[in-house]
């Protein structure tokens, strides 16, 4: 069972035919969630300082950056692991805890794309030149719960309209990425175990100018290999 999470609602993301109905056990939900998202990507964003396009191939595979030799800092402005939620292929199952903590009742099952949608933060949030580092990861998720510190803000009764998919523009992407879900405005946490990362990572140098006709410019990209670490 997930620690001492007290809120009665539990959320599972998996293909529609993998979500159990009726009365279920916690292990039923764990097995269902294991059929859901299995991939993620690690993303870090830095201010680019005086980094040139030619330097991209010399940057480290593991995404760690120190100050440049000239002393100009590359300030980290984002460090996140984002599961690939795949709203097109997965459905949402909502379950309610019973008096017996190992028995839960299915309240709802529906395609994830039928959730409400909301755009959230944009990284980066200001104009300038930036570096992004992205590396693919394997992962395993546990069933989701509302973050413990926010559980007192969430009603115990369930309403589908309170479930929201969060979408964001990340780094140098020109299309929205699903970065999470909320219930009643509070983030759902999916305890996760990360697997082995891919042996390559992608560094990009890009610029943001919100006053320009085209606000995002990708100056250069470079794939770096683990052997370069």
Protein backbone atom coordinates (compact mmCIF):
# COMPACT_ATOMS: atom_id res chain seq x y z
CA UNK A 1 0.00 0.00 0.00
CA UNK A 2 1.19 3.56 -0.61
CA UNK A 3 2.68 4.68 2.70
CA UNK A 4 0.18 6.39 4.99
CA UNK A 5 -1.76 8.22 2.28
CA UNK A 6 -5.16 8.79 3.88
CA UNK A 7 -7.28 10.20 1.05
CA UNK A 8 -9.74 7.56 -0.18
CA UNK A 9 -9.31 8.10 -3.94
CA UNK A 10 -6.68 6.15 -5.90
CA UNK A 11 -5.92 6.66 -9.62
CA UNK A 12 -4.61 4.14 -12.16
CA UNK A 13 -3.40 4.83 -15.72
CA UNK A 14 -3.40 1.83 -18.03
CA UNK A 15 -4.82 0.62 -21.35
CA UNK A 16 -8.63 0.44 -21.13
CA UNK A 17 -8.78 -3.36 -21.11
CA UNK A 18 -6.33 -3.53 -18.17
CA UNK A 19 -8.41 -1.51 -15.69
CA UNK A 20 -10.34 -3.81 -13.31
CA UNK A 21 -13.94 -3.06 -12.31
CA UNK A 22 -16.01 -3.83 -9.23
CA UNK A 23 -14.27 -4.59 -5.94
CA UNK A 24 -10.51 -4.96 -6.27
CA UNK A 25 -7.42 -5.46 -4.13
CA UNK A 26 -4.42 -3.14 -3.94
CA UNK A 27 -2.35 -5.72 -5.82
CA UNK A 28 -4.95 -5.71 -8.61
CA UNK A 29 -4.30 -1.98 -9.02
CA UNK A 30 -0.53 -2.40 -8.87
CA UNK A 31 -0.69 -5.01 -11.63
CA UNK A 32 -2.95 -2.78 -13.74
CA UNK A 33 -0.66 0.22 -13.31
CA UNK A 34 2.31 -1.89 -14.42
CA UNK A 35 0.60 -2.15 -17.82
CA UNK A 36 0.49 1.64 -18.13
CA UNK A 37 3.25 4.17 -18.87
CA UNK A 38 6.72 2.59 -18.89
CA UNK A 39 8.81 5.41 -20.32
CA UNK A 40 9.84 8.88 -19.23
CA UNK A 41 12.34 11.55 -20.09
CA UNK A 42 14.65 13.55 -17.88
CA UNK A 43 14.76 17.25 -18.74
CA UNK A 44 17.14 19.94 -17.53
CA UNK A 45 17.21 23.55 -18.67
CA UNK A 46 20.06 25.99 -18.16
CA UNK A 47 20.77 29.56 -19.04
CA UNK A 48 23.21 29.33 -21.92
CA UNK A 49 25.63 32.03 -20.76
CA UNK A 50 28.22 32.28 -23.58
CA UNK A 51 27.83 28.71 -24.84
CA UNK A 52 28.45 28.43 -28.58
CA UNK A 53 26.93 25.97 -31.03
CA UNK A 54 30.33 24.32 -31.44
CA UNK A 55 30.45 23.50 -27.71
CA UNK A 56 27.32 21.32 -27.69
CA UNK A 57 29.24 18.16 -28.58
CA UNK A 58 31.53 18.64 -25.58
CA UNK A 59 28.74 18.83 -23.00
CA UNK A 60 28.35 15.86 -20.63
CA UNK A 61 26.03 12.93 -21.28
CA UNK A 62 24.67 13.01 -17.70
CA UNK A 63 23.40 16.59 -17.92
CA UNK A 64 25.68 18.02 -15.23
CA UNK A 65 27.08 21.46 -15.95
CA UNK A 66 29.56 23.62 -14.12
CA UNK A 67 30.38 27.28 -14.71
CA UNK A 68 32.20 28.09 -17.90
CA UNK A 69 35.93 28.67 -17.75
CA UNK A 70 35.25 32.35 -18.31
CA UNK A 71 33.30 32.36 -15.07
CA UNK A 72 29.90 32.93 -16.68
CA UNK A 73 27.42 30.67 -14.82
CA UNK A 74 25.07 28.26 -16.53
CA UNK A 75 22.17 28.49 -14.09
CA UNK A 76 19.83 25.48 -13.89
CA UNK A 77 16.20 26.58 -14.24
CA UNK A 78 14.47 23.20 -14.54
CA UNK A 79 15.26 19.65 -13.42
CA UNK A 80 12.39 17.21 -13.95
CA UNK A 81 11.47 13.64 -14.84
CA UNK A 82 8.31 13.54 -16.95
CA UNK A 83 6.52 10.22 -17.52
CA UNK A 84 5.21 9.70 -21.04
CA UNK A 85 1.55 9.48 -20.01
CA UNK A 86 0.34 8.68 -23.55
CA UNK A 87 -3.22 10.09 -23.30
CA UNK A 88 -4.05 8.54 -26.69
CA UNK A 89 -3.37 4.98 -25.52
CA UNK A 90 -4.27 4.98 -21.83
CA UNK A 91 -7.44 5.23 -19.76
CA UNK A 92 -8.08 6.47 -16.22
CA UNK A 93 -9.42 4.23 -13.47
CA UNK A 94 -10.61 5.80 -10.21
CA UNK A 95 -10.93 3.64 -7.10
CA UNK A 96 -12.11 4.31 -3.55
CA UNK A 97 -10.59 2.81 -0.42
CA UNK A 98 -12.91 0.81 1.87
CA UNK A 99 -12.74 0.05 5.60
CA UNK A 100 -10.45 -2.83 4.73
CA UNK A 101 -7.37 -0.96 3.39
CA UNK A 102 -6.68 -3.74 0.88
CA UNK A 103 -10.16 -3.60 -0.69
CA UNK A 104 -11.13 -0.81 -3.07
CA UNK A 105 -14.18 -0.11 -5.22
CA UNK A 106 -14.02 1.02 -8.84
CA UNK A 107 -15.83 4.36 -9.21
CA UNK A 108 -15.04 5.23 -12.83
CA UNK A 109 -13.14 4.17 -15.95
CA UNK A 110 -12.81 6.32 -19.06
CA UNK A 111 -10.36 7.22 -21.88
CA UNK A 112 -7.73 9.64 -20.62
CA UNK A 113 -8.40 12.01 -23.52
CA UNK A 114 -11.89 12.61 -22.12
CA UNK A 115 -10.38 14.43 -19.12
CA UNK A 116 -10.48 18.21 -18.90
CA UNK A 117 -7.37 19.93 -20.26
CA UNK A 118 -5.34 22.79 -18.86
CA UNK A 119 -2.11 24.46 -19.95
CA UNK A 120 0.38 25.15 -17.20
CA UNK A 121 3.88 26.59 -16.98
CA UNK A 122 6.10 27.31 -19.95
CA UNK A 123 9.81 26.52 -19.63
CA UNK A 124 11.62 28.78 -19.92
CA UNK A 125 9.43 31.60 -18.66
CA UNK A 126 11.52 34.53 -19.89
CA UNK A 127 13.45 35.66 -22.97
CA UNK A 128 17.08 34.70 -23.50
CA UNK A 129 19.41 31.96 -24.75
CA UNK A 130 19.08 28.52 -23.16
CA UNK A 131 20.47 25.01 -23.11
CA UNK A 132 18.23 21.97 -22.78
CA UNK A 133 19.32 18.43 -21.95
CA UNK A 134 16.96 15.51 -22.52
CA UNK A 135 17.50 11.79 -21.91
CA UNK A 136 15.03 8.91 -22.22
CA UNK A 137 14.40 6.67 -19.21
CA UNK A 138 12.50 3.51 -18.40
CA UNK A 139 10.27 3.66 -15.34
CA UNK A 140 7.61 1.84 -13.36
CA UNK A 141 4.72 3.71 -11.74
CA UNK A 142 2.64 2.82 -8.71
CA UNK A 143 -1.06 3.80 -8.50
CA UNK A 144 -1.51 7.54 -8.08
CA UNK A 145 -2.73 9.55 -5.10
CA UNK A 146 -3.19 13.24 -4.39
CA UNK A 147 0.00 14.69 -2.91
CA UNK A 148 -0.14 14.14 0.86
CA UNK A 149 0.29 17.79 1.81
CA UNK A 150 -2.73 18.73 -0.35
CA UNK A 151 -5.13 15.95 0.63
CA UNK A 152 -7.04 18.15 3.07
CA UNK A 153 -7.92 20.45 0.15
CA UNK A 154 -9.58 17.70 -1.90
CA UNK A 155 -13.18 16.52 -1.32
CA UNK A 156 -13.59 12.81 -0.64
CA UNK A 157 -16.55 12.51 -3.02
CA UNK A 158 -15.58 11.81 -6.62
CA UNK A 159 -16.47 13.90 -9.70
CA UNK A 160 -14.97 13.14 -13.11
CA UNK A 161 -14.99 16.85 -13.99
CA UNK A 162 -12.36 17.44 -11.29
CA UNK A 163 -9.73 15.39 -13.18
CA UNK A 164 -7.51 17.51 -15.40
CA UNK A 165 -4.66 16.77 -17.80
CA UNK A 166 -1.84 19.31 -17.59
CA UNK A 167 -0.12 20.32 -20.84
CA UNK A 168 3.01 22.43 -21.18
CA UNK A 169 5.47 23.73 -23.72
CA UNK A 170 8.87 22.42 -22.67
CA UNK A 171 12.30 23.69 -23.68
CA UNK A 172 12.59 23.98 -27.47
CA UNK A 173 9.46 21.94 -28.27
CA UNK A 174 6.88 23.59 -30.52
CA UNK A 175 3.99 21.35 -29.40
CA UNK A 176 2.40 20.71 -26.01
CA UNK A 177 3.47 17.77 -23.81
CA UNK A 178 1.27 16.12 -21.18
CA UNK A 179 3.24 16.66 -17.96
CA UNK A 180 0.82 15.44 -15.29
CA UNK A 181 -2.68 15.24 -13.91
CA UNK A 182 -4.57 16.97 -11.12
CA UNK A 183 -7.69 16.23 -9.13
CA UNK A 184 -9.65 19.19 -7.72
CA UNK A 185 -6.69 21.39 -8.65
CA UNK A 186 -4.11 19.32 -6.72
CA UNK A 187 -1.36 17.31 -8.37
CA UNK A 188 -1.66 13.53 -8.49
CA UNK A 189 1.59 11.84 -7.46
CA UNK A 190 2.60 8.57 -9.11
CA UNK A 191 5.35 6.93 -7.01
CA UNK A 192 7.96 5.80 -9.49
CA UNK A 193 11.00 3.61 -9.86
CA UNK A 194 13.42 4.70 -12.57
CA UNK A 195 15.15 2.15 -14.78
CA UNK A 196 18.30 2.31 -16.84
CA UNK A 197 18.62 5.50 -18.93
CA UNK A 198 19.26 5.46 -22.65
CA UNK A 199 22.92 5.58 -23.66
CA UNK A 200 22.49 8.88 -25.50
CA UNK A 201 21.20 12.32 -24.57
CA UNK A 202 20.24 15.37 -26.61
CA UNK A 203 21.62 18.85 -25.98
CA UNK A 204 19.93 21.82 -27.65
CA UNK A 205 20.81 25.49 -27.80
CA UNK A 206 17.79 27.71 -28.36
CA UNK A 207 16.59 31.28 -28.00
CA UNK A 208 13.29 32.77 -26.83
CA UNK A 209 12.23 36.28 -27.88
CA UNK A 210 8.56 36.93 -27.19
CA UNK A 211 8.69 40.22 -29.13
CA UNK A 212 9.83 38.55 -32.36
CA UNK A 213 7.49 37.28 -35.07
CA UNK A 214 8.81 33.75 -34.36
CA UNK A 215 9.42 33.61 -30.62
CA UNK A 216 11.33 30.30 -30.49
CA UNK A 217 14.53 29.66 -32.45
CA UNK A 218 16.45 26.39 -32.19
CA UNK A 219 20.06 27.33 -32.89
CA UNK A 220 21.62 23.86 -32.77
CA UNK A 221 21.15 20.32 -31.44
CA UNK A 222 23.68 17.61 -30.67
CA UNK A 223 23.35 13.97 -29.59
CA UNK A 224 26.00 12.95 -27.05
CA UNK A 225 26.90 9.38 -26.14
CA UNK A 226 27.52 7.83 -22.74
CA UNK A 227 31.10 7.15 -23.80
CA UNK A 228 31.64 10.92 -23.85
CA UNK A 229 30.77 11.25 -20.15
